[in-house]
């Protein structure tokens, strides 16, 4: 059973948040943690209960995330949206504007880059000339550009907040080059976008930054464990040592709650942070009581 962020005062009550790409994985964990802290959370995704984008992952629809989040202290509103379609994104923000008149928190989490077959995954670290050129479409248009477009349409609503916050989820490892060239471009693009947005956000007491989780125990990862586990499972790591370095999907959500609560978060303006770094800074822990430190990829996945 998920252990929600415990705070009797629900510090995010009254806050309006949008989490893009929340059908499963990090987006689901972020939405549930924000709702547990009292926020009203809009979530987006393409995966419907009757039409999953990944049929192998049962229960990973937008509706399921909303149902889970609505058991918390806040409120969750699901809106189906393909973030590769600018008109759908514009309509999404118009809806939020009509219903709420402002937006306090934008979490750009949508990502199309992992909808890969196992054969394609095996080529992830291959030399650039051997990689699938269609990965540009998935990772850049379905990831970095989607963050760009959502931010563009959200800014007018964010500027109506007294302390707006934009967080781009990304992957960062000590500034090293990642082994997959399109992946590296997409992730660094989102980091640079956060920095450039921060230059505009600070004019309105706002903050923009990028946030990198470590390896997570997502639904896809857990599907391949020997014993049936879910993202809510408190794992016995002696029985599953292969998961010992992995964080739950809620760890990044707790980082975002901590950032939102911090009145001095402007010190992080424009930076790329890791969840493990913020866990040490703010003192929060994962659902199993651990405090995984900032993640580092094995050397074979990096380039100097």
Foldseek 3Di string as FASTA:
>chain_A
DADADDDVVLVAAPAEEEQEPQLWFLNLLQLLNNLQSHYEYEYEEAAAQVRGPDVVQHQRGQVSSQVNSCVHNYHYHYDYAQLLDLVRLLVVLVVCCVVPVAHAEYEQEFFQQPPDDPVLVVCQLPPAVPHDPCSLCRQASRHQVSLVSNCVSRVVRNLVDQEHEYEYEAADAPPFQFRRNSNSVSRVSNLQVQLVVLVVQVVRNYAGGYEYEAAAPISVNQVPDPDRDHLRDLDPCVVVVVCVLHARSNLVSVLVVQLVSDSPNCVCGSYYYYSLVSCVVRVDPGSNRHRRHGDHDPPSRTDD
